[in-house]
Amino acid sequence: MATAGYGALFIDYFGTLADGDRHAVEATCARVVDDFQLNITPPELAITWGKRFFEEIEIANHDRFMNLYDCEAKTLVETLGAWVDHVDPAPYCDMLKRYWASAPLHPESLEALADIDLPICCVSNADTEDIAASMELHGLRLDRLVTSEDVRCYKPDPKIFEAALSTMGVRPEHAIHVGDSLHSDVGGAARLGITTVWLCRDDRIFDAGDSTPDYKINSLRELRRILG
């Protein structure tokens, strides 16, 4: 198929190729609420925790880098500080880690990827061990994988996209990035002049972004229309 002058496709993983973690987070929050008898619903706790988490990964970069698991643990403790004096976050964050390693792919992902005649690099705000386990589980083989843990920063920090450009050997104007977050994916890639595609799914817990994508799609199957 024609590829509109692009030399590489960058693509997010959780929420884009694989299910996002909304249900896993809410299940984790339900256990937290039950264990500590909190006067808050699991979805409300998920939003409160999520906002604190996004604040943390905005600053947990470069010399201050913490991996995703540790960011989740730190921000859960801080969030619960409004209700409880002490909490061991490990049992709850372990629930998320198990999910990250086994998250199901979206039904159209394999079909859509097979229809793309471009080198593909997954660019993800995930811990490398977890995303590698998920990809291995599904037999998913992409050309390259660049994670936040690899480069010690999180999207939308430009360094993670610069690493993807370098590993794929393309200039920003010859790359196109697909992701489900306006903040992390669209905002980060656009900053470098990479063409952006927002995959608009309805099951995100929270998105801090308001960036405008070059393209908006509701299914990965629509990439054919953009690329060819």
Protein backbone atom coordinates (compact mmCIF):
# COMPACT_ATOMS: atom_id res chain seq x y z
CA MET A 1 0.00 0.00 0.00
CA ALA A 2 1.11 3.61 -0.47
CA THR A 3 2.58 5.31 2.59
CA ALA A 4 2.27 9.04 1.85
CA GLY A 5 6.02 9.61 2.11
CA TYR A 6 6.38 8.20 5.63
CA GLY A 7 9.46 6.16 6.48
CA ALA A 8 8.28 4.72 9.80
CA LEU A 9 5.20 4.29 11.93
CA PHE A 10 5.45 4.87 15.67
CA ILE A 11 2.66 3.39 17.78
CA ASP A 12 1.67 3.40 21.44
CA TYR A 13 0.92 0.10 23.17
CA PHE A 14 -1.48 0.22 26.15
CA GLY A 15 -4.76 1.77 25.08
CA THR A 16 -3.76 1.64 21.42
CA LEU A 17 -2.62 -1.86 20.43
CA ALA A 18 -3.59 -3.48 23.73
CA ASP A 19 -6.38 -2.66 26.13
CA GLY A 20 -5.78 0.25 28.45
CA ASP A 21 -5.68 -0.40 32.17
CA ARG A 22 -8.91 1.31 33.19
CA HIS A 23 -10.61 -1.87 34.39
CA ALA A 24 -7.43 -3.10 36.08
CA VAL A 25 -7.00 0.24 37.86
CA GLU A 26 -10.63 0.30 38.96
CA ALA A 27 -10.39 -3.32 40.18
CA THR A 28 -7.27 -2.35 42.12
CA CYS A 29 -9.06 0.68 43.53
CA ALA A 30 -12.03 -1.48 44.52
CA ARG A 31 -9.70 -3.65 46.58
CA VAL A 32 -8.12 -0.57 48.17
CA VAL A 33 -11.54 0.89 49.03
CA ASP A 34 -12.63 -2.42 50.54
CA ASP A 35 -9.41 -3.02 52.47
CA PHE A 36 -9.43 0.44 54.06
CA GLN A 37 -13.21 0.99 54.12
CA LEU A 38 -12.85 4.31 52.34
CA ASN A 39 -15.79 6.65 51.85
CA ILE A 40 -15.12 6.98 48.11
CA THR A 41 -16.06 4.91 45.08
CA PRO A 42 -13.43 2.95 43.14
CA PRO A 43 -13.91 5.11 40.00
CA GLU A 44 -13.50 8.28 42.09
CA LEU A 45 -10.32 6.90 43.65
CA ALA A 46 -9.06 5.92 40.20
CA ILE A 47 -9.47 9.49 38.94
CA THR A 48 -7.87 11.03 42.04
CA TRP A 49 -4.94 8.60 41.91
CA GLY A 50 -4.66 9.03 38.14
CA LYS A 51 -4.35 12.79 38.36
CA ARG A 52 -1.59 12.48 40.97
CA PHE A 53 0.12 9.82 38.85
CA PHE A 54 0.15 12.02 35.74
CA GLU A 55 1.62 14.86 37.78
CA GLU A 56 4.40 12.52 38.90
CA ILE A 57 5.42 11.23 35.48
CA GLU A 58 5.66 14.82 34.27
CA ILE A 59 8.65 15.24 36.60
CA ALA A 60 9.97 11.65 36.94
CA ASN A 61 12.30 12.08 33.98
CA HIS A 62 16.05 11.95 33.31
CA ASP A 63 17.94 12.30 36.63
CA ARG A 64 14.67 11.98 38.55
CA PHE A 65 13.45 8.95 36.61
CA MET A 66 11.38 6.27 38.33
CA ASN A 67 9.90 3.35 36.47
CA LEU A 68 6.14 3.06 36.01
CA TYR A 69 5.64 0.58 38.85
CA ASP A 70 7.45 2.83 41.32
CA CYS A 71 5.51 5.90 40.14
CA GLU A 72 2.26 4.03 40.70
CA ALA A 73 3.38 2.95 44.17
CA LYS A 74 4.55 6.42 45.21
CA THR A 75 1.42 8.18 44.02
CA LEU A 76 -0.92 5.58 45.54
CA VAL A 77 0.66 6.15 48.95
CA GLU A 78 0.37 9.91 48.50
CA THR A 79 -3.24 9.67 47.34
CA LEU A 80 -4.27 7.46 50.25
CA GLY A 81 -2.58 9.82 52.69
CA ALA A 82 -5.87 11.75 52.77
CA TRP A 83 -7.52 8.75 54.46
CA VAL A 84 -4.93 6.43 56.01
CA ASP A 85 -1.63 6.89 57.82
CA HIS A 86 0.22 3.95 56.30
CA VAL A 87 -0.20 1.67 53.32
CA ASP A 88 2.00 -0.92 51.66
CA PRO A 89 1.40 -0.25 47.95
CA ALA A 90 3.01 -3.48 46.72
CA PRO A 91 -0.09 -5.76 46.80
CA TYR A 92 -2.07 -3.21 44.80
CA CYS A 93 0.64 -2.29 42.31
CA ASP A 94 1.35 -5.99 41.80
CA MET A 95 -2.23 -6.30 40.54
CA LEU A 96 -1.44 -3.71 37.88
CA LYS A 97 1.87 -5.33 36.98
CA ARG A 98 0.16 -8.68 36.38
CA TYR A 99 -2.32 -6.93 34.12
CA TRP A 100 0.37 -5.07 32.15
CA ALA A 101 2.10 -8.38 31.38
CA SER A 102 -1.11 -9.99 30.10
CA ALA A 103 -3.24 -7.18 28.68
CA PRO A 104 -5.35 -8.39 25.74
CA LEU A 105 -4.87 -6.89 22.32
CA HIS A 106 -7.69 -4.91 20.77
CA PRO A 107 -9.54 -7.11 18.26
CA GLU A 108 -8.39 -5.14 15.21
CA SER A 109 -4.72 -4.74 16.18
CA LEU A 110 -3.15 -7.71 14.41
CA GLU A 111 -5.22 -7.16 11.26
CA ALA A 112 -4.34 -3.45 11.17
CA LEU A 113 -0.64 -4.06 11.69
CA ALA A 114 -0.55 -6.69 8.97
CA ASP A 115 -1.94 -4.10 6.57
CA ILE A 116 0.88 -1.60 7.18
CA ASP A 117 3.84 -1.69 4.80
CA LEU A 118 6.14 0.42 6.97
CA PRO A 119 8.75 -0.31 9.64
CA ILE A 120 6.96 -0.09 12.99
CA CYS A 121 8.37 1.09 16.31
CA CYS A 122 6.34 0.79 19.50
CA VAL A 123 6.86 3.87 21.69
CA SER A 124 5.46 3.27 25.15
CA ASN A 125 5.34 4.74 28.66
CA ALA A 126 5.71 1.22 30.04
CA ASP A 127 8.25 -0.75 31.98
CA THR A 128 10.21 -2.81 29.47
CA GLU A 129 9.73 -6.14 31.24
CA ASP A 130 5.94 -5.80 31.29
CA ILE A 131 5.41 -4.71 27.70
CA ALA A 132 7.85 -7.36 26.46
CA ALA A 133 5.88 -10.02 28.36
CA SER A 134 2.60 -8.81 26.86
CA MET A 135 4.00 -8.73 23.33
CA GLU A 136 5.50 -12.21 23.77
CA LEU A 137 2.19 -13.53 25.06
CA HIS A 138 0.46 -12.39 21.88
CA GLY A 139 3.30 -13.30 19.51
CA LEU A 140 3.48 -9.66 18.49
CA ARG A 141 6.63 -8.87 16.52
CA LEU A 142 7.37 -5.23 15.74
CA ASP A 143 10.58 -3.86 14.26
CA ARG A 144 11.62 -1.89 17.32
CA LEU A 145 10.49 -1.13 20.87
CA VAL A 146 11.36 2.07 22.75
CA THR A 147 10.07 2.35 26.32
CA SER A 148 10.21 5.09 28.91
CA GLU A 149 12.42 2.80 30.99
CA ASP A 150 14.88 2.49 28.08
CA VAL A 151 15.40 6.23 27.79
CA ARG A 152 14.52 7.29 31.36
CA CYS A 153 11.70 9.63 30.46
CA TYR A 154 7.99 9.55 29.72
CA LYS A 155 5.99 10.82 26.81
CA PRO A 156 5.42 13.69 26.09
CA ASP A 157 9.12 14.34 26.82
CA PRO A 158 10.76 14.71 23.40
CA LYS A 159 13.69 12.42 24.29
CA ILE A 160 11.60 9.25 23.91
CA PHE A 161 10.48 10.31 20.43
CA GLU A 162 14.02 11.35 19.53
CA ALA A 163 15.15 7.84 20.50
CA ALA A 164 12.48 6.34 18.24
CA LEU A 165 13.55 8.56 15.34
CA SER A 166 17.17 7.57 15.85
CA THR A 167 16.52 3.85 16.11
CA MET A 168 14.36 3.92 12.97
CA GLY A 169 16.71 6.22 11.05
CA VAL A 170 14.04 8.73 10.00
CA ARG A 171 13.53 12.47 10.27
CA PRO A 172 10.47 13.81 12.13
CA GLU A 173 8.68 14.84 8.92
CA HIS A 174 8.92 11.24 7.68
CA ALA A 175 7.43 9.67 10.83
CA ILE A 176 3.83 9.26 11.94
CA HIS A 177 2.80 8.42 15.51
CA VAL A 178 -0.45 6.77 16.64
CA GLY A 179 -1.65 6.83 20.22
CA ASP A 180 -4.71 7.19 22.42
CA SER A 181 -3.50 10.07 24.62
CA LEU A 182 -3.80 13.69 23.54
CA HIS A 183 -1.29 14.64 26.21
CA SER A 184 1.37 11.95 25.96
CA ASP A 185 1.12 10.81 22.34
CA VAL A 186 -0.22 13.73 20.34
CA GLY A 187 1.37 16.47 22.40
CA GLY A 188 4.76 14.77 22.59
CA ALA A 189 5.10 13.75 18.95
CA ALA A 190 3.77 17.04 17.61
CA ARG A 191 6.42 18.93 19.52
CA LEU A 192 9.05 17.41 17.21
CA GLY A 193 7.05 17.84 14.01
CA ILE A 194 5.97 14.19 13.80
CA THR A 195 2.58 13.65 12.16
CA THR A 196 0.08 12.62 14.86
CA VAL A 197 -2.90 10.29 14.82
CA TRP A 198 -5.20 10.28 17.84
CA LEU A 199 -6.94 6.96 18.38
CA CYS A 200 -10.01 8.15 20.24
CA ARG A 201 -11.27 5.38 22.49
CA ASP A 202 -13.94 5.95 25.11
CA ASP A 203 -12.43 4.01 28.02
CA ARG A 204 -9.60 6.24 29.29
CA ILE A 205 -9.82 7.17 32.96
CA PHE A 206 -8.21 10.56 32.56
CA ASP A 207 -6.32 12.50 29.88
CA ALA A 208 -4.58 15.72 30.81
CA GLY A 209 -4.10 16.80 27.21
CA ASP A 210 -5.81 19.19 24.83
CA SER A 211 -3.43 18.98 21.85
CA THR A 212 -4.91 18.90 18.36
CA PRO A 213 -3.94 15.83 16.30
CA ASP A 214 -3.34 15.83 12.57
CA TYR A 215 -5.79 12.93 12.27
CA LYS A 216 -8.46 11.44 14.52
CA ILE A 217 -9.57 7.81 14.20
CA ASN A 218 -11.80 5.48 16.20
CA SER A 219 -10.22 2.22 15.07
CA LEU A 220 -6.76 1.13 13.95
CA ARG A 221 -8.41 -0.14 10.76
CA GLU A 222 -8.69 3.52 9.70
CA LEU A 223 -4.90 3.80 9.37
CA ARG A 224 -5.24 2.45 5.83
CA ARG A 225 -7.10 5.63 4.86
CA ILE A 226 -4.31 7.83 6.28
CA LEU A 227 -1.31 5.89 5.04
CA GLY A 228 -2.54 4.93 1.61
